[in-house]
Amino acid sequence: MFVSIYIYRVPSQNVEAFLRVQREAAEIYRRCGAINDETFAPVNLIAKYGCAGFTGAFDIREGEEVFIGLSSFHDRMHHDTVMAQVDRDERISELYEEVASLLDVGRVVRGEFERVE
């Protein structure tokens, strides 16, 4: 399993529009072959069990909400194949521009990970 993880900090007034864009982008990812593309809303961000909480680990400003995006692929090769198709989709560029108007893209945290066996 190979995943791309995104941490989004979204101004509260833009949450509904952000989630609409995420749903549309998820459809494109899945249509291009991703196993799944999901967005998660926080339930509890406070420190617990001796771990740091999200609110202490990330600069979450007043009036922002945090969301996690998780895109799943079989392996890195599958990821690269799917992403090549996603990048060619005309609508994905429009959705990116819309997201960029809703939040500071430079503050989005992104990483790719593979399952450890």
C-alpha atoms as a PDB file:
ATOM      1  CA  MET A   1       0.000   0.000   0.000  1.00  0.00           C
ATOM      2  CA  PHE A   2       1.209   3.481  -0.899  1.00  0.00           C
ATOM      3  CA  VAL A   3      -0.497   6.655   0.341  1.00  0.00           C
ATOM      4  CA  SER A   4      -0.284  10.387  -0.127  1.00  0.00           C
ATOM      5  CA  ILE A   5      -1.233  12.310   2.998  1.00  0.00           C
ATOM      6  CA  TYR A   6      -2.190  15.972   3.060  1.00  0.00           C
ATOM      7  CA  ILE A   7      -2.820  18.193   6.075  1.00  0.00           C
ATOM      8  CA  TYR A   8      -4.997  21.162   5.177  1.00  0.00           C
ATOM      9  CA  ARG A   9      -5.628  24.226   7.349  1.00  0.00           C
ATOM     10  CA  VAL A  10      -8.823  25.764   6.007  1.00  0.00           C
ATOM     11  CA  PRO A  11     -10.360  29.083   7.049  1.00  0.00           C
ATOM     12  CA  SER A  12     -13.686  28.277   8.714  1.00  0.00           C
ATOM     13  CA  GLN A  13     -15.673  30.370   6.236  1.00  0.00           C
ATOM     14  CA  ASN A  14     -14.272  28.266   3.343  1.00  0.00           C
ATOM     15  CA  VAL A  15     -14.888  24.781   4.738  1.00  0.00           C
ATOM     16  CA  GLU A  16     -18.022  23.969   2.725  1.00  0.00           C
ATOM     17  CA  ALA A  17     -16.434  25.082  -0.558  1.00  0.00           C
ATOM     18  CA  PHE A  18     -13.221  23.198   0.297  1.00  0.00           C
ATOM     19  CA  LEU A  19     -15.114  19.970   0.980  1.00  0.00           C
ATOM     20  CA  ARG A  20     -17.069  20.332  -2.275  1.00  0.00           C
ATOM     21  CA  VAL A  21     -13.785  20.673  -4.201  1.00  0.00           C
ATOM     22  CA  GLN A  22     -12.322  17.692  -2.318  1.00  0.00           C
ATOM     23  CA  ARG A  23     -15.311  15.508  -3.236  1.00  0.00           C
ATOM     24  CA  GLU A  24     -14.999  16.421  -6.906  1.00  0.00           C
ATOM     25  CA  ALA A  25     -11.234  15.834  -6.909  1.00  0.00           C
ATOM     26  CA  ALA A  26     -11.747  12.461  -5.181  1.00  0.00           C
ATOM     27  CA  GLU A  27     -14.016  11.381  -8.024  1.00  0.00           C
ATOM     28  CA  ILE A  28     -11.271  12.241 -10.519  1.00  0.00           C
ATOM     29  CA  TYR A  29      -8.640  10.342  -8.516  1.00  0.00           C
ATOM     30  CA  ARG A  30     -10.846   7.252  -8.294  1.00  0.00           C
ATOM     31  CA  ARG A  31     -11.824   7.470 -11.970  1.00  0.00           C
ATOM     32  CA  CYS A  32      -8.091   7.565 -12.823  1.00  0.00           C
ATOM     33  CA  GLY A  33      -7.525   4.410 -10.769  1.00  0.00           C
ATOM     34  CA  ALA A  34      -6.751   5.403  -7.168  1.00  0.00           C
ATOM     35  CA  ILE A  35      -7.929   2.811  -4.652  1.00  0.00           C
ATOM     36  CA  ASN A  36      -9.506   5.618  -2.682  1.00  0.00           C
ATOM     37  CA  ASP A  37      -9.294   9.328  -1.968  1.00  0.00           C
ATOM     38  CA  GLU A  38     -10.773  10.463   1.324  1.00  0.00           C
ATOM     39  CA  THR A  39     -10.942  13.592   3.438  1.00  0.00           C
ATOM     40  CA  PHE A  40     -11.126  13.354   7.225  1.00  0.00           C
ATOM     41  CA  ALA A  41     -12.444  15.963   9.666  1.00  0.00           C
ATOM     42  CA  PRO A  42     -10.978  16.212  13.167  1.00  0.00           C
ATOM     43  CA  VAL A  43     -12.715  14.807  16.177  1.00  0.00           C
ATOM     44  CA  ASN A  44     -10.029  15.403  18.807  1.00  0.00           C
ATOM     45  CA  LEU A  45      -6.771  17.317  18.253  1.00  0.00           C
ATOM     46  CA  ILE A  46      -5.577  17.607  21.859  1.00  0.00           C
ATOM     47  CA  ALA A  47      -2.493  15.948  23.332  1.00  0.00           C
ATOM     48  CA  LYS A  48      -3.184  12.511  24.786  1.00  0.00           C
ATOM     49  CA  TYR A  49      -1.276   9.373  25.876  1.00  0.00           C
ATOM     50  CA  GLY A  50       1.954  11.345  26.138  1.00  0.00           C
ATOM     51  CA  CYS A  51       1.762  12.389  22.459  1.00  0.00           C
ATOM     52  CA  ALA A  52       1.698  15.948  21.176  1.00  0.00           C
ATOM     53  CA  GLY A  53      -1.642  17.101  19.835  1.00  0.00           C
ATOM     54  CA  PHE A  54      -2.151  18.530  16.378  1.00  0.00           C
ATOM     55  CA  THR A  55      -2.779  21.938  17.879  1.00  0.00           C
ATOM     56  CA  GLY A  56       0.736  21.904  19.341  1.00  0.00           C
ATOM     57  CA  ALA A  57       2.468  20.259  16.395  1.00  0.00           C
ATOM     58  CA  PHE A  58       1.074  22.515  13.651  1.00  0.00           C
ATOM     59  CA  ASP A  59       0.451  26.222  13.408  1.00  0.00           C
ATOM     60  CA  ILE A  60      -3.333  26.146  13.452  1.00  0.00           C
ATOM     61  CA  ARG A  61      -4.552  29.708  13.507  1.00  0.00           C
ATOM     62  CA  GLU A  62      -7.726  31.018  15.070  1.00  0.00           C
ATOM     63  CA  GLY A  63     -10.552  30.642  12.589  1.00  0.00           C
ATOM     64  CA  GLU A  64      -8.960  27.650  10.821  1.00  0.00           C
ATOM     65  CA  GLU A  65     -10.086  24.048  10.717  1.00  0.00           C
ATOM     66  CA  VAL A  66      -7.813  21.084  10.019  1.00  0.00           C
ATOM     67  CA  PHE A  67      -8.549  18.314   7.532  1.00  0.00           C
ATOM     68  CA  ILE A  68      -6.530  15.274   6.487  1.00  0.00           C
ATOM     69  CA  GLY A  69      -6.554  14.048   2.897  1.00  0.00           C
ATOM     70  CA  LEU A  70      -5.559  10.443   2.211  1.00  0.00           C
ATOM     71  CA  SER A  71      -5.094   9.053  -1.305  1.00  0.00           C
ATOM     72  CA  SER A  72      -4.476   5.285  -1.516  1.00  0.00           C
ATOM     73  CA  PHE A  73      -2.652   3.294  -4.192  1.00  0.00           C
ATOM     74  CA  HIS A  74      -1.420  -0.290  -4.535  1.00  0.00           C
ATOM     75  CA  ASP A  75       2.259   0.733  -4.680  1.00  0.00           C
ATOM     76  CA  ARG A  76       4.489   3.565  -5.878  1.00  0.00           C
ATOM     77  CA  MET A  77       4.249   2.510  -9.530  1.00  0.00           C
ATOM     78  CA  HIS A  78       0.447   2.519  -9.318  1.00  0.00           C
ATOM     79  CA  HIS A  79       0.628   5.969  -7.682  1.00  0.00           C
ATOM     80  CA  ASP A  80       2.818   7.327 -10.460  1.00  0.00           C
ATOM     81  CA  THR A  81       0.527   5.901 -13.161  1.00  0.00           C
ATOM     82  CA  VAL A  82      -2.624   7.277 -11.545  1.00  0.00           C
ATOM     83  CA  MET A  83      -1.081  10.678 -10.883  1.00  0.00           C
ATOM     84  CA  ALA A  84       0.048  10.991 -14.504  1.00  0.00           C
ATOM     85  CA  GLN A  85      -3.602  10.527 -15.522  1.00  0.00           C
ATOM     86  CA  VAL A  86      -4.862  12.900 -12.820  1.00  0.00           C
ATOM     87  CA  ASP A  87      -2.390  15.577 -13.915  1.00  0.00           C
ATOM     88  CA  ARG A  88      -3.723  15.356 -17.487  1.00  0.00           C
ATOM     89  CA  ASP A  89      -7.317  15.905 -16.368  1.00  0.00           C
ATOM     90  CA  GLU A  90      -8.375  19.442 -17.318  1.00  0.00           C
ATOM     91  CA  ARG A  91     -10.768  19.773 -14.382  1.00  0.00           C
ATOM     92  CA  ILE A  92      -8.086  18.979 -11.782  1.00  0.00           C
ATOM     93  CA  SER A  93      -6.210  22.186 -12.672  1.00  0.00           C
ATOM     94  CA  GLU A  94      -9.387  24.193 -12.164  1.00  0.00           C
ATOM     95  CA  LEU A  95      -9.988  22.493  -8.814  1.00  0.00           C
ATOM     96  CA  TYR A  96      -6.420  23.251  -7.736  1.00  0.00           C
ATOM     97  CA  GLU A  97      -6.958  26.938  -8.542  1.00  0.00           C
ATOM     98  CA  GLU A  98     -10.182  26.876  -6.561  1.00  0.00           C
ATOM     99  CA  VAL A  99      -8.449  25.303  -3.546  1.00  0.00           C
ATOM    100  CA  ALA A 100      -5.683  27.909  -3.833  1.00  0.00           C
ATOM    101  CA  SER A 101      -8.366  30.613  -3.569  1.00  0.00           C
ATOM    102  CA  LEU A 102      -9.787  28.976  -0.419  1.00  0.00           C
ATOM    103  CA  LEU A 103      -6.626  28.376   1.610  1.00  0.00           C
ATOM    104  CA  ASP A 104      -2.895  29.061   1.665  1.00  0.00           C
ATOM    105  CA  VAL A 105      -1.499  26.169  -0.409  1.00  0.00           C
ATOM    106  CA  GLY A 106       1.984  26.919   0.928  1.00  0.00           C
ATOM    107  CA  ARG A 107       0.776  25.843   4.377  1.00  0.00           C
ATOM    108  CA  VAL A 108      -0.541  22.467   3.169  1.00  0.00           C
ATOM    109  CA  VAL A 109       1.666  19.664   4.501  1.00  0.00           C
ATOM    110  CA  ARG A 110       2.128  16.738   2.099  1.00  0.00           C
ATOM    111  CA  GLY A 111       3.986  13.446   2.137  1.00  0.00           C
ATOM    112  CA  GLU A 112       4.071  10.044   0.447  1.00  0.00           C
ATOM    113  CA  PHE A 113       4.346   6.866   2.512  1.00  0.00           C
ATOM    114  CA  GLU A 114       4.430   3.158   1.889  1.00  0.00           C
ATOM    115  CA  ARG A 115       3.298   0.423   4.222  1.00  0.00           C
ATOM    116  CA  VAL A 116       6.027  -1.199   6.247  1.00  0.00           C
ATOM    117  CA  GLU A 117       5.834  -4.978   6.108  1.00  0.00           C
END
